[in-house]
């Protein structure tokens, strides 16, 4: 059982590394979870957590061990390739999570912009800016 806990901890850490690497892609940056313009932004804590969960879930899915009470048989073994896969899965899971957040922001941006009159400056900002900048531009439209 001790080896399983150590293996799970190693996979969790690798998933966190993958999730943390994803924090710097896009407009997220290192910020804490927050509500911004009516939209929940998970921050680096949420992104890293999702990376950890994705990596552990993917690793457990590849194991053929069974858990009976507190006895695991056969004892799972952790290979180096599975650690690198955990980093990749953590990165991918975090990217998916961030994409879902950005989709929510873009939907809100579209709804706000559609209810207002045309504005060329806001349209340029919406087209070229980050998701949260686009929402801010839509909210500033007359």
N, C-alpha and C. Protein backbone atom coordinates (compact mmCIF):
# COMPACT_ATOMS: atom_id res chain seq x y z
N UNK A 1 0.82 -1.19 0.00
CA UNK A 1 0.00 0.00 0.00
C UNK A 1 0.87 1.26 0.00
N UNK A 2 2.00 1.19 0.70
CA UNK A 2 2.91 2.33 0.77
C UNK A 2 3.41 2.71 -0.62
N UNK A 3 3.78 1.72 -1.43
CA UNK A 3 4.27 2.00 -2.78
C UNK A 3 3.20 2.68 -3.62
N UNK A 4 1.95 2.28 -3.45
CA UNK A 4 0.85 2.88 -4.20
C UNK A 4 0.72 4.36 -3.84
N UNK A 5 0.84 4.68 -2.56
CA UNK A 5 0.73 6.08 -2.13
C UNK A 5 1.88 6.90 -2.72
N UNK A 6 3.07 6.36 -2.70
CA UNK A 6 4.23 7.05 -3.27
C UNK A 6 4.04 7.24 -4.78
N UNK A 7 3.56 6.20 -5.46
CA UNK A 7 3.31 6.30 -6.90
C UNK A 7 2.25 7.36 -7.19
N UNK A 8 1.17 7.35 -6.43
CA UNK A 8 0.11 8.35 -6.63
C UNK A 8 0.63 9.76 -6.38
N UNK A 9 1.47 9.91 -5.37
CA UNK A 9 2.05 11.22 -5.08
C UNK A 9 2.95 11.68 -6.23
N UNK A 10 3.75 10.77 -6.77
CA UNK A 10 4.63 11.12 -7.90
C UNK A 10 3.83 11.52 -9.12
N UNK A 11 2.77 10.78 -9.42
CA UNK A 11 1.91 11.10 -10.57
C UNK A 11 1.20 12.43 -10.34
N UNK A 12 0.74 12.67 -9.12
CA UNK A 12 0.07 13.93 -8.79
C UNK A 12 1.01 15.11 -8.98
N UNK A 13 2.23 14.97 -8.52
CA UNK A 13 3.22 16.05 -8.68
C UNK A 13 3.49 16.31 -10.16
N UNK A 14 3.63 15.25 -10.95
CA UNK A 14 3.87 15.42 -12.39
C UNK A 14 2.67 16.10 -13.06
N UNK A 15 1.46 15.74 -12.67
CA UNK A 15 0.27 16.40 -13.20
C UNK A 15 0.24 17.87 -12.83
N UNK A 16 0.68 18.18 -11.60
CA UNK A 16 0.74 19.58 -11.16
C UNK A 16 1.76 20.36 -11.98
N UNK A 17 2.89 19.72 -12.30
CA UNK A 17 3.91 20.37 -13.13
C UNK A 17 3.34 20.68 -14.51
N UNK A 18 2.63 19.72 -15.10
CA UNK A 18 2.01 19.95 -16.40
C UNK A 18 0.97 21.06 -16.35
N UNK A 19 0.15 21.04 -15.30
CA UNK A 19 -0.85 22.10 -15.14
C UNK A 19 -0.23 23.45 -14.93
N UNK A 20 0.85 23.49 -14.15
CA UNK A 20 1.52 24.76 -13.88
C UNK A 20 2.16 25.32 -15.14
N UNK A 21 2.73 24.46 -15.97
CA UNK A 21 3.30 24.92 -17.24
C UNK A 21 2.23 25.56 -18.11
N UNK A 22 1.02 25.06 -18.01
CA UNK A 22 -0.09 25.58 -18.82
C UNK A 22 -0.54 26.96 -18.35
N UNK A 23 -0.26 27.30 -17.12
CA UNK A 23 -0.68 28.60 -16.58
C UNK A 23 -0.15 29.75 -17.42
N UNK A 24 1.02 29.58 -18.00
CA UNK A 24 1.67 30.68 -18.70
C UNK A 24 1.29 30.77 -20.18
N UNK A 25 0.37 29.92 -20.62
CA UNK A 25 -0.10 29.97 -22.00
C UNK A 25 -1.43 30.72 -22.00
N UNK A 26 -1.55 31.69 -22.86
CA UNK A 26 -2.78 32.47 -22.94
C UNK A 26 -2.72 33.67 -22.00
N UNK A 27 -3.88 34.10 -21.55
CA UNK A 27 -3.94 35.33 -20.75
C UNK A 27 -4.07 35.08 -19.27
N UNK A 28 -3.95 33.84 -18.83
CA UNK A 28 -4.19 33.55 -17.43
C UNK A 28 -3.16 34.18 -16.50
N UNK A 29 -1.92 33.80 -16.64
CA UNK A 29 -0.89 34.30 -15.74
C UNK A 29 -1.08 33.76 -14.33
N UNK A 30 -0.25 34.22 -13.43
CA UNK A 30 -0.32 33.78 -12.04
C UNK A 30 -1.29 34.66 -11.27
N UNK A 31 -2.54 34.27 -11.23
CA UNK A 31 -3.50 34.99 -10.42
C UNK A 31 -4.33 33.98 -9.64
N UNK A 32 -4.82 34.43 -8.52
CA UNK A 32 -5.66 33.58 -7.68
C UNK A 32 -7.06 33.48 -8.29
N UNK A 33 -7.84 32.49 -7.89
CA UNK A 33 -9.22 32.41 -8.38
C UNK A 33 -9.97 33.70 -8.06
N UNK A 34 -10.77 34.14 -9.02
CA UNK A 34 -11.48 35.40 -8.86
C UNK A 34 -12.74 35.43 -9.71
N UNK A 35 -13.64 36.32 -9.34
CA UNK A 35 -14.79 36.63 -10.19
C UNK A 35 -14.43 37.93 -10.91
N UNK A 36 -14.41 37.89 -12.22
CA UNK A 36 -14.03 39.05 -13.01
C UNK A 36 -15.12 39.34 -14.01
N UNK A 37 -15.78 40.47 -13.88
CA UNK A 37 -16.86 40.88 -14.77
C UNK A 37 -17.96 39.82 -14.84
N UNK A 38 -18.25 39.22 -13.71
CA UNK A 38 -19.33 38.23 -13.64
C UNK A 38 -18.95 36.83 -14.11
N UNK A 39 -17.65 36.59 -14.35
CA UNK A 39 -17.19 35.29 -14.83
C UNK A 39 -16.16 34.75 -13.84
N UNK A 40 -16.31 33.48 -13.43
CA UNK A 40 -15.35 32.85 -12.54
C UNK A 40 -14.09 32.51 -13.31
N UNK A 41 -12.96 32.98 -12.83
CA UNK A 41 -11.65 32.66 -13.42
C UNK A 41 -10.90 31.84 -12.38
N UNK A 42 -10.57 30.58 -12.70
CA UNK A 42 -10.02 29.66 -11.70
C UNK A 42 -8.62 29.97 -11.21
N UNK A 43 -7.87 30.78 -11.93
CA UNK A 43 -6.52 31.10 -11.52
C UNK A 43 -5.60 29.90 -11.60
N UNK A 44 -4.36 30.10 -11.16
CA UNK A 44 -3.39 29.01 -11.29
C UNK A 44 -3.72 27.85 -10.36
N UNK A 45 -4.37 28.12 -9.24
CA UNK A 45 -4.72 27.04 -8.31
C UNK A 45 -5.69 26.07 -8.97
N UNK A 46 -6.72 26.58 -9.61
CA UNK A 46 -7.70 25.73 -10.29
C UNK A 46 -7.09 24.96 -11.44
N UNK A 47 -6.24 25.62 -12.21
CA UNK A 47 -5.62 24.98 -13.38
C UNK A 47 -4.67 23.86 -12.94
N UNK A 48 -3.87 24.11 -11.90
CA UNK A 48 -2.95 23.09 -11.39
C UNK A 48 -3.74 21.92 -10.81
N UNK A 49 -4.82 22.21 -10.08
CA UNK A 49 -5.64 21.15 -9.50
C UNK A 49 -6.22 20.24 -10.59
N UNK A 50 -6.74 20.83 -11.65
CA UNK A 50 -7.29 20.02 -12.75
C UNK A 50 -6.20 19.19 -13.40
N UNK A 51 -5.00 19.75 -13.56
CA UNK A 51 -3.88 18.98 -14.09
C UNK A 51 -3.55 17.78 -13.23
N UNK A 52 -3.60 17.96 -11.91
CA UNK A 52 -3.32 16.86 -10.99
C UNK A 52 -4.38 15.76 -11.11
N UNK A 53 -5.64 16.16 -11.11
CA UNK A 53 -6.73 15.18 -11.20
C UNK A 53 -6.68 14.43 -12.53
N UNK A 54 -6.41 15.14 -13.61
CA UNK A 54 -6.34 14.50 -14.93
C UNK A 54 -5.21 13.48 -14.97
N UNK A 55 -4.05 13.83 -14.44
CA UNK A 55 -2.91 12.91 -14.46
C UNK A 55 -3.18 11.66 -13.62
N UNK A 56 -3.72 11.84 -12.43
CA UNK A 56 -4.01 10.69 -11.56
C UNK A 56 -5.07 9.80 -12.20
N UNK A 57 -6.11 10.42 -12.74
CA UNK A 57 -7.17 9.63 -13.39
C UNK A 57 -6.66 8.84 -14.58
N UNK A 58 -5.81 9.46 -15.38
CA UNK A 58 -5.26 8.77 -16.55
C UNK A 58 -4.34 7.63 -16.12
N UNK A 59 -3.53 7.86 -15.08
CA UNK A 59 -2.62 6.81 -14.64
C UNK A 59 -3.39 5.63 -14.06
N UNK A 60 -4.39 5.92 -13.24
CA UNK A 60 -5.19 4.84 -12.65
C UNK A 60 -5.93 4.05 -13.72
N UNK A 61 -6.33 4.71 -14.78
CA UNK A 61 -7.05 4.02 -15.86
C UNK A 61 -6.16 3.01 -16.58
N UNK A 62 -4.86 3.21 -16.52
CA UNK A 62 -3.95 2.29 -17.21
C UNK A 62 -3.52 1.11 -16.33
N UNK A 63 -3.87 1.13 -15.07
CA UNK A 63 -3.45 0.07 -14.15
C UNK A 63 -4.45 -1.08 -14.17
N UNK A 64 -3.93 -2.29 -14.10
CA UNK A 64 -4.81 -3.47 -14.10
C UNK A 64 -4.93 -4.06 -12.71
N UNK A 65 -4.54 -3.32 -11.71
CA UNK A 65 -4.62 -3.80 -10.33
C UNK A 65 -6.05 -3.73 -9.82
N UNK A 66 -6.33 -4.51 -8.80
CA UNK A 66 -7.64 -4.47 -8.15
C UNK A 66 -7.44 -4.12 -6.69
N UNK A 67 -8.39 -3.41 -6.14
CA UNK A 67 -8.34 -3.00 -4.75
C UNK A 67 -9.38 -3.80 -3.99
N UNK A 68 -8.93 -4.60 -3.05
CA UNK A 68 -9.82 -5.41 -2.23
C UNK A 68 -9.54 -5.07 -0.78
N UNK A 69 -10.43 -4.29 -0.18
CA UNK A 69 -10.17 -3.79 1.17
C UNK A 69 -9.00 -2.82 1.11
N UNK A 70 -7.93 -3.12 1.81
CA UNK A 70 -6.73 -2.29 1.76
C UNK A 70 -5.60 -2.99 1.02
N UNK A 71 -5.92 -4.10 0.32
CA UNK A 71 -4.91 -4.87 -0.39
C UNK A 71 -5.04 -4.62 -1.89
N UNK A 72 -3.94 -4.24 -2.51
CA UNK A 72 -3.90 -4.02 -3.95
C UNK A 72 -3.15 -5.19 -4.57
N UNK A 73 -3.77 -5.83 -5.54
CA UNK A 73 -3.07 -6.94 -6.20
C UNK A 73 -3.33 -6.89 -7.70
N UNK A 74 -2.39 -7.13 -8.55
CA UNK A 74 -0.96 -7.07 -8.21
C UNK A 74 -0.58 -5.63 -7.92
N UNK A 75 0.52 -5.46 -7.23
CA UNK A 75 0.98 -4.12 -6.86
C UNK A 75 1.34 -3.35 -8.13
N UNK A 76 0.75 -2.17 -8.33
CA UNK A 76 1.07 -1.40 -9.54
C UNK A 76 2.51 -0.93 -9.52
N UNK A 77 3.09 -0.86 -10.68
CA UNK A 77 4.45 -0.34 -10.80
C UNK A 77 4.40 0.93 -11.62
N UNK A 78 5.20 1.86 -11.22
CA UNK A 78 5.25 3.15 -11.90
C UNK A 78 6.51 3.20 -12.76
N UNK A 79 6.30 3.38 -14.05
CA UNK A 79 7.42 3.48 -14.98
C UNK A 79 7.71 4.95 -15.28
N UNK A 80 8.92 5.22 -15.67
CA UNK A 80 9.33 6.59 -15.99
C UNK A 80 8.47 7.16 -17.12
N UNK A 81 8.11 6.33 -18.07
CA UNK A 81 7.27 6.81 -19.18
C UNK A 81 5.90 7.27 -18.67
N UNK A 82 5.42 6.66 -17.59
CA UNK A 82 4.13 7.07 -17.04
C UNK A 82 4.23 8.42 -16.34
N UNK A 83 5.39 8.74 -15.80
CA UNK A 83 5.59 10.06 -15.20
C UNK A 83 5.59 11.15 -16.27
N UNK A 84 6.25 10.87 -17.38
CA UNK A 84 6.24 11.86 -18.46
C UNK A 84 4.84 11.99 -19.05
N UNK A 85 4.13 10.88 -19.12
CA UNK A 85 2.74 10.94 -19.60
C UNK A 85 1.88 11.74 -18.63
N UNK A 86 2.14 11.62 -17.34
CA UNK A 86 1.38 12.38 -16.34
C UNK A 86 1.58 13.89 -16.53
N UNK A 87 2.79 14.29 -16.88
CA UNK A 87 3.04 15.71 -17.15
C UNK A 87 2.23 16.17 -18.37
N UNK A 88 2.25 15.36 -19.41
CA UNK A 88 1.53 15.71 -20.64
C UNK A 88 0.02 15.74 -20.39
N UNK A 89 -0.49 14.75 -19.67
CA UNK A 89 -1.92 14.70 -19.39
C UNK A 89 -2.31 15.87 -18.47
N UNK A 90 -1.47 16.19 -17.50
CA UNK A 90 -1.74 17.34 -16.64
C UNK A 90 -1.81 18.63 -17.44
N UNK A 91 -0.90 18.77 -18.40
CA UNK A 91 -0.90 19.94 -19.27
C UNK A 91 -2.17 19.98 -20.11
N UNK A 92 -2.52 18.84 -20.71
CA UNK A 92 -3.71 18.78 -21.57
C UNK A 92 -5.00 18.99 -20.80
N UNK A 93 -5.09 18.41 -19.62
CA UNK A 93 -6.29 18.60 -18.79
C UNK A 93 -6.46 20.05 -18.39
N UNK A 94 -5.35 20.68 -18.03
CA UNK A 94 -5.40 22.09 -17.66
C UNK A 94 -5.77 22.96 -18.85
N UNK A 95 -5.26 22.60 -20.03
CA UNK A 95 -5.59 23.36 -21.24
C UNK A 95 -7.08 23.25 -21.56
N UNK A 96 -7.62 22.05 -21.42
CA UNK A 96 -9.05 21.87 -21.65
C UNK A 96 -9.85 22.74 -20.68
N UNK A 97 -9.47 22.73 -19.42
CA UNK A 97 -10.18 23.51 -18.41
C UNK A 97 -10.14 25.00 -18.73
N UNK A 98 -8.95 25.50 -19.12
CA UNK A 98 -8.84 26.90 -19.49
C UNK A 98 -9.68 27.22 -20.72
N UNK A 99 -9.74 26.29 -21.67
CA UNK A 99 -10.55 26.51 -22.88
C UNK A 99 -12.03 26.63 -22.52
N UNK A 100 -12.47 25.82 -21.59
CA UNK A 100 -13.87 25.92 -21.15
C UNK A 100 -14.15 27.27 -20.50
N UNK A 101 -13.23 27.75 -19.71
CA UNK A 101 -13.39 29.06 -19.08
C UNK A 101 -13.42 30.17 -20.13
N UNK A 102 -12.52 30.08 -21.11
CA UNK A 102 -12.49 31.09 -22.17
C UNK A 102 -13.76 31.03 -23.02
N UNK A 103 -14.29 29.85 -23.24
CA UNK A 103 -15.55 29.72 -24.00
C UNK A 103 -16.68 30.43 -23.27
N UNK A 104 -16.72 30.28 -21.97
CA UNK A 104 -17.74 30.98 -21.17
C UNK A 104 -17.60 32.49 -21.31
N UNK A 105 -16.36 32.96 -21.25
CA UNK A 105 -16.12 34.40 -21.39
C UNK A 105 -16.54 34.89 -22.78
N UNK A 106 -16.19 34.14 -23.82
CA UNK A 106 -16.55 34.56 -25.18
C UNK A 106 -18.06 34.54 -25.39
N UNK A 107 -18.76 33.58 -24.81
CA UNK A 107 -20.23 33.56 -24.91
C UNK A 107 -20.82 34.80 -24.27
N UNK A 108 -20.31 35.15 -23.09
CA UNK A 108 -20.81 36.34 -22.41
C UNK A 108 -20.48 37.59 -23.22
N UNK A 109 -19.28 37.63 -23.80
CA UNK A 109 -18.89 38.76 -24.65
C UNK A 109 -19.84 38.91 -25.83
N UNK A 110 -20.16 37.81 -26.49
CA UNK A 110 -21.06 37.85 -27.64
C UNK A 110 -22.44 38.34 -27.23
N UNK A 111 -22.92 37.86 -26.09
CA UNK A 111 -24.25 38.28 -25.63
C UNK A 111 -24.28 39.76 -25.31
N UNK A 112 -23.25 40.26 -24.66
CA UNK A 112 -23.19 41.68 -24.31
C UNK A 112 -23.08 42.53 -25.57
N UNK A 113 -22.16 42.16 -26.48
CA UNK A 113 -21.94 42.95 -27.70
C UNK A 113 -23.17 42.94 -28.60
N UNK A 114 -23.86 41.84 -28.66
CA UNK A 114 -25.04 41.75 -29.52
C UNK A 114 -26.17 42.65 -29.04
N UNK A 115 -26.18 42.97 -27.76
CA UNK A 115 -27.26 43.81 -27.24
C UNK A 115 -26.95 45.30 -27.34
N UNK A 116 -25.79 45.65 -27.91
CA UNK A 116 -25.39 47.05 -27.99
C UNK A 116 -25.20 47.47 -29.45
N UNK A 117 -25.09 48.77 -29.67
CA UNK A 117 -24.90 49.27 -31.04
C UNK A 117 -23.46 49.06 -31.49
N UNK A 118 -23.26 49.07 -32.81
CA UNK A 118 -21.94 48.80 -33.41
C UNK A 118 -20.91 49.82 -32.94
N UNK A 119 -19.69 49.33 -32.72
CA UNK A 119 -18.59 50.17 -32.28
C UNK A 119 -17.31 49.58 -32.86
N UNK A 120 -16.69 50.29 -33.81
CA UNK A 120 -15.50 49.77 -34.50
C UNK A 120 -14.31 49.57 -33.57
N UNK A 121 -14.12 50.47 -32.62
CA UNK A 121 -12.99 50.34 -31.69
C UNK A 121 -13.17 49.09 -30.80
N UNK A 122 -14.36 48.89 -30.31
CA UNK A 122 -14.64 47.71 -29.48
C UNK A 122 -14.51 46.44 -30.31
N UNK A 123 -14.94 46.49 -31.56
CA UNK A 123 -14.83 45.31 -32.43
C UNK A 123 -13.36 44.92 -32.63
N UNK A 124 -12.48 45.91 -32.80
CA UNK A 124 -11.06 45.62 -32.97
C UNK A 124 -10.46 45.01 -31.70
N UNK A 125 -10.86 45.53 -30.56
CA UNK A 125 -10.36 44.99 -29.29
C UNK A 125 -10.87 43.57 -29.07
N UNK A 126 -12.14 43.35 -29.37
CA UNK A 126 -12.71 42.01 -29.22
C UNK A 126 -12.02 41.02 -30.13
N UNK A 127 -11.70 41.43 -31.34
CA UNK A 127 -11.07 40.53 -32.31
C UNK A 127 -9.62 40.20 -31.95
N UNK A 128 -8.90 41.15 -31.37
CA UNK A 128 -7.47 40.95 -31.15
C UNK A 128 -7.09 40.72 -29.69
N UNK A 129 -7.99 41.02 -28.76
CA UNK A 129 -7.63 40.95 -27.35
C UNK A 129 -7.80 39.57 -26.74
N UNK A 130 -7.38 39.46 -25.50
CA UNK A 130 -7.58 38.23 -24.75
C UNK A 130 -9.07 38.11 -24.44
N UNK A 131 -9.52 36.94 -24.02
CA UNK A 131 -10.95 36.80 -23.72
C UNK A 131 -11.47 37.82 -22.71
N UNK A 132 -10.73 38.07 -21.65
CA UNK A 132 -11.22 39.01 -20.63
C UNK A 132 -11.16 40.44 -21.13
N UNK A 133 -10.18 40.78 -21.99
CA UNK A 133 -10.13 42.11 -22.61
C UNK A 133 -11.31 42.29 -23.56
N UNK A 134 -11.68 41.23 -24.26
CA UNK A 134 -12.83 41.29 -25.17
C UNK A 134 -14.11 41.55 -24.39
N UNK A 135 -14.26 40.88 -23.26
CA UNK A 135 -15.46 41.10 -22.43
C UNK A 135 -15.48 42.51 -21.88
N UNK A 136 -14.35 43.01 -21.47
CA UNK A 136 -14.28 44.39 -20.96
C UNK A 136 -14.65 45.38 -22.05
N UNK A 137 -14.18 45.15 -23.27
CA UNK A 137 -14.51 46.03 -24.40
C UNK A 137 -16.00 45.99 -24.69
N UNK A 138 -16.58 44.81 -24.63
CA UNK A 138 -18.03 44.68 -24.90
C UNK A 138 -18.82 45.40 -23.80
N UNK A 139 -18.37 45.31 -22.57
CA UNK A 139 -19.07 45.97 -21.47
C UNK A 139 -18.96 47.49 -21.57
N UNK A 140 -17.88 48.02 -22.18
CA UNK A 140 -17.71 49.46 -22.33
C UNK A 140 -18.47 50.04 -23.51
N UNK A 141 -18.97 49.17 -24.40
CA UNK A 141 -19.68 49.67 -25.58
C UNK A 141 -20.90 50.47 -25.17
N UNK A 142 -21.19 51.56 -25.94
CA UNK A 142 -22.38 52.38 -25.60
C UNK A 142 -23.68 51.66 -25.95
